[in-house]
PDB file of N, CA and C in Angstrom:
ATOM      1  N   MET A   1      99.719 179.361  40.617  1.00  0.00           N
ATOM      2  CA  MET A   1     100.900 179.637  39.814  1.00  0.00           C
ATOM      3  C   MET A   1     101.359 181.074  40.065  1.00  0.00           C
ATOM      4  N   ALA A   2     102.647 181.284  40.327  1.00  0.00           N
ATOM      5  CA  ALA A   2     103.192 182.605  40.624  1.00  0.00           C
ATOM      6  C   ALA A   2     103.266 183.439  39.349  1.00  0.00           C
ATOM      7  N   LYS A   3     103.037 184.727  39.528  1.00  0.00           N
ATOM      8  CA  LYS A   3     103.123 185.641  38.393  1.00  0.00           C
ATOM      9  C   LYS A   3     104.587 185.921  38.061  1.00  0.00           C
ATOM     10  N   ALA A   4     104.841 186.191  36.811  1.00  0.00           N
ATOM     11  CA  ALA A   4     106.190 186.574  36.376  1.00  0.00           C
ATOM     12  C   ALA A   4     106.511 187.963  36.914  1.00  0.00           C
ATOM     13  N   ASP A   5     107.794 188.306  36.996  1.00  0.00           N
ATOM     14  CA  ASP A   5     108.219 189.608  37.493  1.00  0.00           C
ATOM     15  C   ASP A   5     107.668 190.763  36.669  1.00  0.00           C
ATOM     16  N   THR A   6     107.294 190.506  35.433  1.00  0.00           N
ATOM     17  CA  THR A   6     106.796 191.584  34.579  1.00  0.00           C
ATOM     18  C   THR A   6     105.321 191.887  34.844  1.00  0.00           C
ATOM     19  N   ASP A   7     104.608 190.981  35.509  1.00  0.00           N
ATOM     20  CA  ASP A   7     103.217 191.238  35.865  1.00  0.00           C
ATOM     21  C   ASP A   7     103.180 192.201  37.040  1.00  0.00           C
ATOM     22  N   THR A   8     102.170 193.065  37.063  1.00  0.00           N
ATOM     23  CA  THR A   8     102.054 194.028  38.157  1.00  0.00           C
ATOM     24  C   THR A   8     100.638 194.027  38.708  1.00  0.00           C
ATOM     25  N   GLU A   9     100.512 194.532  39.908  1.00  0.00           N
ATOM     26  CA  GLU A   9      99.225 194.715  40.568  1.00  0.00           C
ATOM     27  C   GLU A   9      99.098 196.183  40.923  1.00  0.00           C
ATOM     28  N   ASN A  10      97.899 196.702  40.849  1.00  0.00           N
ATOM     29  CA  ASN A  10      97.646 198.064  41.291  1.00  0.00           C
ATOM     30  C   ASN A  10      97.324 198.051  42.775  1.00  0.00           C
ATOM     31  N   ILE A  11      97.834 199.066  43.498  1.00  0.00           N
ATOM     32  CA  ILE A  11      97.477 199.241  44.902  1.00  0.00           C
ATOM     33  C   ILE A  11      97.053 200.689  45.097  1.00  0.00           C
ATOM     34  N   ASN A  12      96.269 200.932  46.116  1.00  0.00           N
ATOM     35  CA  ASN A  12      95.851 202.288  46.448  1.00  0.00           C
ATOM     36  C   ASN A  12      96.570 202.726  47.712  1.00  0.00           C
ATOM     37  N   VAL A  13      97.096 203.937  47.679  1.00  0.00           N
ATOM     38  CA  VAL A  13      97.785 204.504  48.832  1.00  0.00           C
ATOM     39  C   VAL A  13      97.241 205.908  49.040  1.00  0.00           C
ATOM     40  N   ARG A  14      96.900 206.226  50.278  1.00  0.00           N
ATOM     41  CA  ARG A  14      96.414 207.571  50.595  1.00  0.00           C
ATOM     42  C   ARG A  14      97.553 208.384  51.194  1.00  0.00           C
ATOM     43  N   LEU A  15      97.770 209.592  50.653  1.00  0.00           N
ATOM     44  CA  LEU A  15      98.812 210.487  51.125  1.00  0.00           C
ATOM     45  C   LEU A  15      98.210 211.847  51.416  1.00  0.00           C
ATOM     46  N   THR A  16      98.792 212.555  52.360  1.00  0.00           N
ATOM     47  CA  THR A  16      98.365 213.929  52.598  1.00  0.00           C
ATOM     48  C   THR A  16      98.798 214.774  51.404  1.00  0.00           C
ATOM     49  N   PRO A  17      98.143 215.883  51.170  1.00  0.00           N
ATOM     50  CA  PRO A  17      98.569 216.746  50.056  1.00  0.00           C
ATOM     51  C   PRO A  17     100.035 217.168  50.169  1.00  0.00           C
ATOM     52  N   LYS A  18     100.510 217.451  51.377  1.00  0.00           N
ATOM     53  CA  LYS A  18     101.902 217.864  51.565  1.00  0.00           C
ATOM     54  C   LYS A  18     102.858 216.732  51.221  1.00  0.00           C
ATOM     55  N   LEU A  19     102.554 215.509  51.670  1.00  0.00           N
ATOM     56  CA  LEU A  19     103.429 214.381  51.357  1.00  0.00           C
ATOM     57  C   LEU A  19     103.446 214.115  49.858  1.00  0.00           C
ATOM     58  N   LEU A  20     102.296 214.235  49.196  1.00  0.00           N
ATOM     59  CA  LEU A  20     102.239 214.048  47.749  1.00  0.00           C
ATOM     60  C   LEU A  20     103.058 215.123  47.033  1.00  0.00           C
ATOM     61  N   GLU A  21     102.980 216.344  47.510  1.00  0.00           N
ATOM     62  CA  GLU A  21     103.776 217.437  46.929  1.00  0.00           C
ATOM     63  C   GLU A  21     105.271 217.139  47.091  1.00  0.00           C
ATOM     64  N   ASP A  22     105.675 216.696  48.288  1.00  0.00           N
ATOM     65  CA  ASP A  22     107.074 216.350  48.530  1.00  0.00           C
ATOM     66  C   ASP A  22     107.502 215.184  47.645  1.00  0.00           C
ATOM     67  N   LEU A  23     106.643 214.200  47.508  1.00  0.00           N
ATOM     68  CA  LEU A  23     106.917 213.040  46.662  1.00  0.00           C
ATOM     69  C   LEU A  23     107.157 213.485  45.223  1.00  0.00           C
ATOM     70  N   ASP A  24     106.270 214.316  44.709  1.00  0.00           N
ATOM     71  CA  ASP A  24     106.410 214.777  43.323  1.00  0.00           C
ATOM     72  C   ASP A  24     107.690 215.576  43.113  1.00  0.00           C
ATOM     73  N   GLU A  25     108.021 216.441  44.054  1.00  0.00           N
ATOM     74  CA  GLU A  25     109.267 217.204  43.935  1.00  0.00           C
ATOM     75  C   GLU A  25     110.473 216.264  43.935  1.00  0.00           C
ATOM     76  N   THR A  26     110.428 215.264  44.797  1.00  0.00           N
ATOM     77  CA  THR A  26     111.568 214.360  44.957  1.00  0.00           C
ATOM     78  C   THR A  26     111.799 213.512  43.724  1.00  0.00           C
ATOM     79  N   TRP A  27     110.736 212.873  43.193  1.00  0.00           N
ATOM     80  CA  TRP A  27     110.976 211.998  42.037  1.00  0.00           C
ATOM     81  C   TRP A  27     111.435 212.788  40.832  1.00  0.00           C
ATOM     82  N   GLU A  28     110.925 214.003  40.693  1.00  0.00           N
ATOM     83  CA  GLU A  28     111.347 214.823  39.563  1.00  0.00           C
ATOM     84  C   GLU A  28     112.797 215.279  39.722  1.00  0.00           C
ATOM     85  N   GLU A  29     113.170 215.723  40.944  1.00  0.00           N
ATOM     86  CA  GLU A  29     114.542 216.167  41.202  1.00  0.00           C
ATOM     87  C   GLU A  29     115.548 215.043  40.984  1.00  0.00           C
ATOM     88  N   ARG A  30     115.158 213.821  41.299  1.00  0.00           N
ATOM     89  CA  ARG A  30     116.074 212.688  41.201  1.00  0.00           C
ATOM     90  C   ARG A  30     116.067 212.038  39.820  1.00  0.00           C
ATOM     91  N   GLY A  31     115.293 212.580  38.903  1.00  0.00           N
ATOM     92  CA  GLY A  31     115.345 212.118  37.523  1.00  0.00           C
ATOM     93  C   GLY A  31     114.536 210.875  37.198  1.00  0.00           C
ATOM     94  N   TYR A  32     113.582 210.528  38.039  1.00  0.00           N
ATOM     95  CA  TYR A  32     112.722 209.385  37.724  1.00  0.00           C
ATOM     96  C   TYR A  32     111.720 209.811  36.650  1.00  0.00           C
ATOM     97  N   ASN A  33     111.213 208.845  35.907  1.00  0.00           N
ATOM     98  CA  ASN A  33     110.264 209.141  34.840  1.00  0.00           C
ATOM     99  C   ASN A  33     108.841 209.317  35.339  1.00  0.00           C
ATOM    100  N   SER A  34     108.543 208.782  36.520  1.00  0.00           N
ATOM    101  CA  SER A  34     107.173 208.852  37.032  1.00  0.00           C
ATOM    102  C   SER A  34     107.150 208.615  38.531  1.00  0.00           C
ATOM    103  N   ARG A  35     106.027 208.952  39.142  1.00  0.00           N
ATOM    104  CA  ARG A  35     105.799 208.630  40.551  1.00  0.00           C
ATOM    105  C   ARG A  35     105.937 207.134  40.772  1.00  0.00           C
ATOM    106  N   SER A  36     105.294 206.367  39.894  1.00  0.00           N
ATOM    107  CA  SER A  36     105.287 204.913  40.061  1.00  0.00           C
ATOM    108  C   SER A  36     106.691 204.340  40.066  1.00  0.00           C
ATOM    109  N   GLU A  37     107.528 204.809  39.143  1.00  0.00           N
ATOM    110  CA  GLU A  37     108.903 204.314  39.089  1.00  0.00           C
ATOM    111  C   GLU A  37     109.626 204.620  40.399  1.00  0.00           C
ATOM    112  N   PHE A  38     109.461 205.839  40.892  1.00  0.00           N
ATOM    113  CA  PHE A  38     110.106 206.241  42.137  1.00  0.00           C
ATOM    114  C   PHE A  38     109.594 205.410  43.315  1.00  0.00           C
ATOM    115  N   ILE A  39     108.289 205.229  43.407  1.00  0.00           N
ATOM    116  CA  ILE A  39     107.706 204.469  44.516  1.00  0.00           C
ATOM    117  C   ILE A  39     108.143 203.016  44.462  1.00  0.00           C
ATOM    118  N   ARG A  40     108.161 202.407  43.270  1.00  0.00           N
ATOM    119  CA  ARG A  40     108.629 201.019  43.152  1.00  0.00           C
ATOM    120  C   ARG A  40     110.075 200.887  43.653  1.00  0.00           C
ATOM    121  N   GLN A  41     110.936 201.839  43.257  1.00  0.00           N
ATOM    122  CA  GLN A  41     112.329 201.779  43.692  1.00  0.00           C
ATOM    123  C   GLN A  41     112.436 201.956  45.203  1.00  0.00           C
ATOM    124  N   ALA A  42     111.664 202.865  45.766  1.00  0.00           N
ATOM    125  CA  ALA A  42     111.690 203.072  47.216  1.00  0.00           C
ATOM    126  C   ALA A  42     111.239 201.816  47.958  1.00  0.00           C
ATOM    127  N   ILE A  43     110.235 201.146  47.420  1.00  0.00           N
ATOM    128  CA  ILE A  43     109.758 199.906  48.041  1.00  0.00           C
ATOM    129  C   ILE A  43     110.817 198.822  47.925  1.00  0.00           C
ATOM    130  N   ARG A  44     111.426 198.691  46.739  1.00  0.00           N
ATOM    131  CA  ARG A  44     112.496 197.698  46.564  1.00  0.00           C
ATOM    132  C   ARG A  44     113.614 197.914  47.575  1.00  0.00           C
ATOM    133  N   GLU A  45     114.037 199.172  47.728  1.00  0.00           N
ATOM    134  CA  GLU A  45     115.118 199.481  48.653  1.00  0.00           C
ATOM    135  C   GLU A  45     114.719 199.176  50.091  1.00  0.00           C
ATOM    136  N   SER A  46     113.470 199.437  50.430  1.00  0.00           N
ATOM    137  CA  SER A  46     112.989 199.155  51.778  1.00  0.00           C
ATOM    138  C   SER A  46     112.922 197.657  52.043  1.00  0.00           C
ATOM    139  N   VAL A  47     112.406 196.906  51.088  1.00  0.00           N
ATOM    140  CA  VAL A  47     112.269 195.458  51.236  1.00  0.00           C
ATOM    141  C   VAL A  47     113.629 194.777  51.248  1.00  0.00           C
ATOM    142  N   ASN A  48     114.551 195.263  50.431  1.00  0.00           N
ATOM    143  CA  ASN A  48     115.870 194.643  50.289  1.00  0.00           C
ATOM    144  C   ASN A  48     116.960 195.413  51.027  1.00  0.00           C
ATOM    145  N   GLN A  49     116.586 196.132  52.068  1.00  0.00           N
ATOM    146  CA  GLN A  49     117.571 196.984  52.735  1.00  0.00           C
ATOM    147  C   GLN A  49     118.771 196.188  53.238  1.00  0.00           C
ATOM    148  N   THR A  50     119.904 196.829  53.154  1.00  0.00           N
ATOM    149  CA  THR A  50     121.162 196.219  53.554  1.00  0.00           C
ATOM    150  C   THR A  50     121.248 196.169  55.069  1.00  0.00           C
ATOM    151  N   GLN A  51     121.683 195.038  55.573  1.00  0.00           N
ATOM    152  CA  GLN A  51     121.918 194.886  56.996  1.00  0.00           C
ATOM    153  C   GLN A  51     123.408 195.101  57.249  1.00  0.00           C
ATOM    154  N   LEU A  52     123.731 196.027  58.138  1.00  0.00           N
ATOM    155  CA  LEU A  52     125.125 196.294  58.445  1.00  0.00           C
ATOM    156  C   LEU A  52     125.584 195.429  59.608  1.00  0.00           C
ATOM    157  N   SER A  53     126.829 194.997  59.540  1.00  0.00           N
ATOM    158  CA  SER A  53     127.403 194.208  60.629  1.00  0.00           C
ATOM    159  C   SER A  53     127.646 195.114  61.831  1.00  0.00           C
ATOM    160  N   ALA A  54     127.851 194.508  62.982  1.00  0.00           N
ATOM    161  CA  ALA A  54     128.148 195.265  64.198  1.00  0.00           C
ATOM    162  C   ALA A  54     129.426 196.081  64.003  1.00  0.00           C
ATOM    163  N   GLY A  55     130.427 195.499  63.337  1.00  0.00           N
ATOM    164  CA  GLY A  55     131.679 196.214  63.085  1.00  0.00           C
ATOM    165  C   GLY A  55     131.473 197.440  62.210  1.00  0.00           C
ATOM    166  N   ALA A  56     130.649 197.305  61.188  1.00  0.00           N
ATOM    167  CA  ALA A  56     130.381 198.435  60.297  1.00  0.00           C
ATOM    168  C   ALA A  56     129.641 199.534  61.047  1.00  0.00           C
ATOM    169  N   LEU A  57     128.684 199.160  61.891  1.00  0.00           N
ATOM    170  CA  LEU A  57     127.955 200.150  62.678  1.00  0.00           C
ATOM    171  C   LEU A  57     128.881 200.874  63.649  1.00  0.00           C
ATOM    172  N   GLU A  58     129.786 200.133  64.278  1.00  0.00           N
ATOM    173  CA  GLU A  58     130.756 200.749  65.189  1.00  0.00           C
ATOM    174  C   GLU A  58     131.649 201.732  64.448  1.00  0.00           C
ATOM    175  N   ALA A  59     132.093 201.361  63.253  1.00  0.00           N
ATOM    176  CA  ALA A  59     132.937 202.249  62.454  1.00  0.00           C
ATOM    177  C   ALA A  59     132.186 203.518  62.068  1.00  0.00           C
ATOM    178  N   LEU A  60     130.913 203.381  61.725  1.00  0.00           N
ATOM    179  CA  LEU A  60     130.109 204.556  61.391  1.00  0.00           C
ATOM    180  C   LEU A  60     129.932 205.465  62.603  1.00  0.00           C
ATOM    181  N   LEU A  61     129.696 204.884  63.762  1.00  0.00           N
ATOM    182  CA  LEU A  61     129.554 205.675  64.981  1.00  0.00           C
ATOM    183  C   LEU A  61     130.853 206.412  65.314  1.00  0.00           C
ATOM    184  N   GLU A  62     131.977 205.711  65.170  1.00  0.00           N
ATOM    185  CA  GLU A  62     133.275 206.338  65.432  1.00  0.00           C
ATOM    186  C   GLU A  62     133.526 207.476  64.456  1.00  0.00           C
ATOM    187  N   SER A  63     133.216 207.249  63.197  1.00  0.00           N
ATOM    188  CA  SER A  63     133.392 208.273  62.175  1.00  0.00           C
ATOM    189  C   SER A  63     132.515 209.485  62.458  1.00  0.00           C
ATOM    190  N   SER A  64     131.289 209.235  62.853  1.00  0.00           N
ATOM    191  CA  SER A  64     130.363 210.315  63.181  1.00  0.00           C
ATOM    192  C   SER A  64     130.899 211.137  64.354  1.00  0.00           C
ATOM    193  N   GLN A  65     131.400 210.469  65.367  1.00  0.00           N
ATOM    194  CA  GLN A  65     131.971 211.157  66.524  1.00  0.00           C
ATOM    195  C   GLN A  65     133.172 211.999  66.110  1.00  0.00           C
ATOM    196  N   GLN A  66     134.033 211.446  65.277  1.00  0.00           N
ATOM    197  CA  GLN A  66     135.210 212.186  64.808  1.00  0.00           C
ATOM    198  C   GLN A  66     134.790 213.428  64.031  1.00  0.00           C
ATOM    199  N   ALA A  67     133.762 213.318  63.214  1.00  0.00           N
ATOM    200  CA  ALA A  67     133.280 214.469  62.445  1.00  0.00           C
ATOM    201  C   ALA A  67     132.741 215.548  63.381  1.00  0.00           C
ATOM    202  N   ARG A  68     131.991 215.131  64.407  1.00  0.00           N
ATOM    203  CA  ARG A  68     131.459 216.106  65.381  1.00  0.00           C
ATOM    204  C   ARG A  68     132.590 216.837  66.095  1.00  0.00           C
ATOM    205  N   GLU A  69     133.703 216.156  66.318  1.00  0.00           N
ATOM    206  CA  GLU A  69     134.839 216.740  67.026  1.00  0.00           C
ATOM    207  C   GLU A  69     135.790 217.477  66.083  1.00  0.00           C
ATOM    208  N   GLY A  70     135.439 217.536  64.801  1.00  0.00           N
ATOM    209  CA  GLY A  70     136.253 218.259  63.836  1.00  0.00           C
ATOM    210  C   GLY A  70     137.468 217.505  63.341  1.00  0.00           C
ATOM    211  N   GLU A  71     137.519 216.214  63.600  1.00  0.00           N
ATOM    212  CA  GLU A  71     138.648 215.387  63.166  1.00  0.00           C
ATOM    213  C   GLU A  71     138.381 214.847  61.764  1.00  0.00           C
ATOM    214  N   LEU A  72     138.421 215.733  60.793  1.00  0.00           N
ATOM    215  CA  LEU A  72     138.112 215.359  59.421  1.00  0.00           C
ATOM    216  C   LEU A  72     139.387 215.132  58.624  1.00  0.00           C
ATOM    217  N   VAL A  73     139.304 214.275  57.635  1.00  0.00           N
ATOM    218  CA  VAL A  73     140.427 213.960  56.765  1.00  0.00           C
ATOM    219  C   VAL A  73     139.986 214.250  55.339  1.00  0.00           C
ATOM    220  N   SER A  74     140.842 214.908  54.591  1.00  0.00           N
ATOM    221  CA  SER A  74     140.493 215.228  53.205  1.00  0.00           C
ATOM    222  C   SER A  74     140.598 213.986  52.330  1.00  0.00           C
ATOM    223  N   SER A  75     139.915 214.017  51.219  1.00  0.00           N
ATOM    224  CA  SER A  75     139.992 212.901  50.282  1.00  0.00           C
ATOM    225  C   SER A  75     141.411 212.744  49.744  1.00  0.00           C
ATOM    226  N   GLU A  76     142.131 213.838  49.625  1.00  0.00           N
ATOM    227  CA  GLU A  76     143.525 213.775  49.170  1.00  0.00           C
ATOM    228  C   GLU A  76     144.388 213.018  50.177  1.00  0.00           C
ATOM    229  N   GLU A  77     144.181 213.278  51.460  1.00  0.00           N
ATOM    230  CA  GLU A  77     144.931 212.557  52.489  1.00  0.00           C
ATOM    231  C   GLU A  77     144.623 211.061  52.451  1.00  0.00           C
ATOM    232  N   ILE A  78     143.382 210.728  52.216  1.00  0.00           N
ATOM    233  CA  ILE A  78     142.983 209.318  52.130  1.00  0.00           C
ATOM    234  C   ILE A  78     143.649 208.665  50.921  1.00  0.00           C
ATOM    235  N   ARG A  79     143.643 209.355  49.775  1.00  0.00           N
ATOM    236  CA  ARG A  79     144.292 208.820  48.579  1.00  0.00           C
ATOM    237  C   ARG A  79     145.778 208.550  48.840  1.00  0.00           C
ATOM    238  N   GLU A  80     146.434 209.539  49.454  1.00  0.00           N
ATOM    239  CA  GLU A  80     147.860 209.386  49.724  1.00  0.00           C
ATOM    240  C   GLU A  80     148.134 208.221  50.648  1.00  0.00           C
ATOM    241  N   GLU A  81     147.313 208.061  51.671  1.00  0.00           N
ATOM    242  CA  GLU A  81     147.553 206.996  52.656  1.00  0.00           C
ATOM    243  C   GLU A  81     147.237 205.616  52.101  1.00  0.00           C
ATOM    244  N   PHE A  82     146.150 205.491  51.339  1.00  0.00           N
ATOM    245  CA  PHE A  82     145.690 204.169  50.935  1.00  0.00           C
ATOM    246  C   PHE A  82     145.995 203.779  49.487  1.00  0.00           C
ATOM    247  N   LEU A  83     146.225 204.743  48.615  1.00  0.00           N
ATOM    248  CA  LEU A  83     146.414 204.422  47.210  1.00  0.00           C
ATOM    249  C   LEU A  83     147.848 204.551  46.736  1.00  0.00           C
ATOM    250  N   ASN A  84     148.688 205.208  47.498  1.00  0.00           N
ATOM    251  CA  ASN A  84     150.073 205.425  47.065  1.00  0.00           C
ATOM    252  C   ASN A  84     151.052 204.630  47.902  1.00  0.00           C
ATOM    253  N   GLU A  85     150.746 203.400  48.144  1.00  0.00           N
ATOM    254  CA  GLU A  85     151.644 202.569  48.957  1.00  0.00           C
ATOM    255  C   GLU A  85     152.735 201.967  48.145  1.00  0.00           C
TER     256      GLU A  85
END
């Protein structure tokens, strides 16, 4: 019989002192209540990671190239072009 989502299991993970220090700084900076909460969310995001389409990846690559070349557009310009039609 499968456990309900509210049931949990303990696992052991070994981390270097530096990684643990970075982990603690990160969860606190991001407003999590505990290490466990932060680690659970990180695992959820990793397991359920979004898959991008080829078109979306191409658009991101094009955008990245434009940014490297200094072809940036302000948020105001975007608003004017797309929201004030």
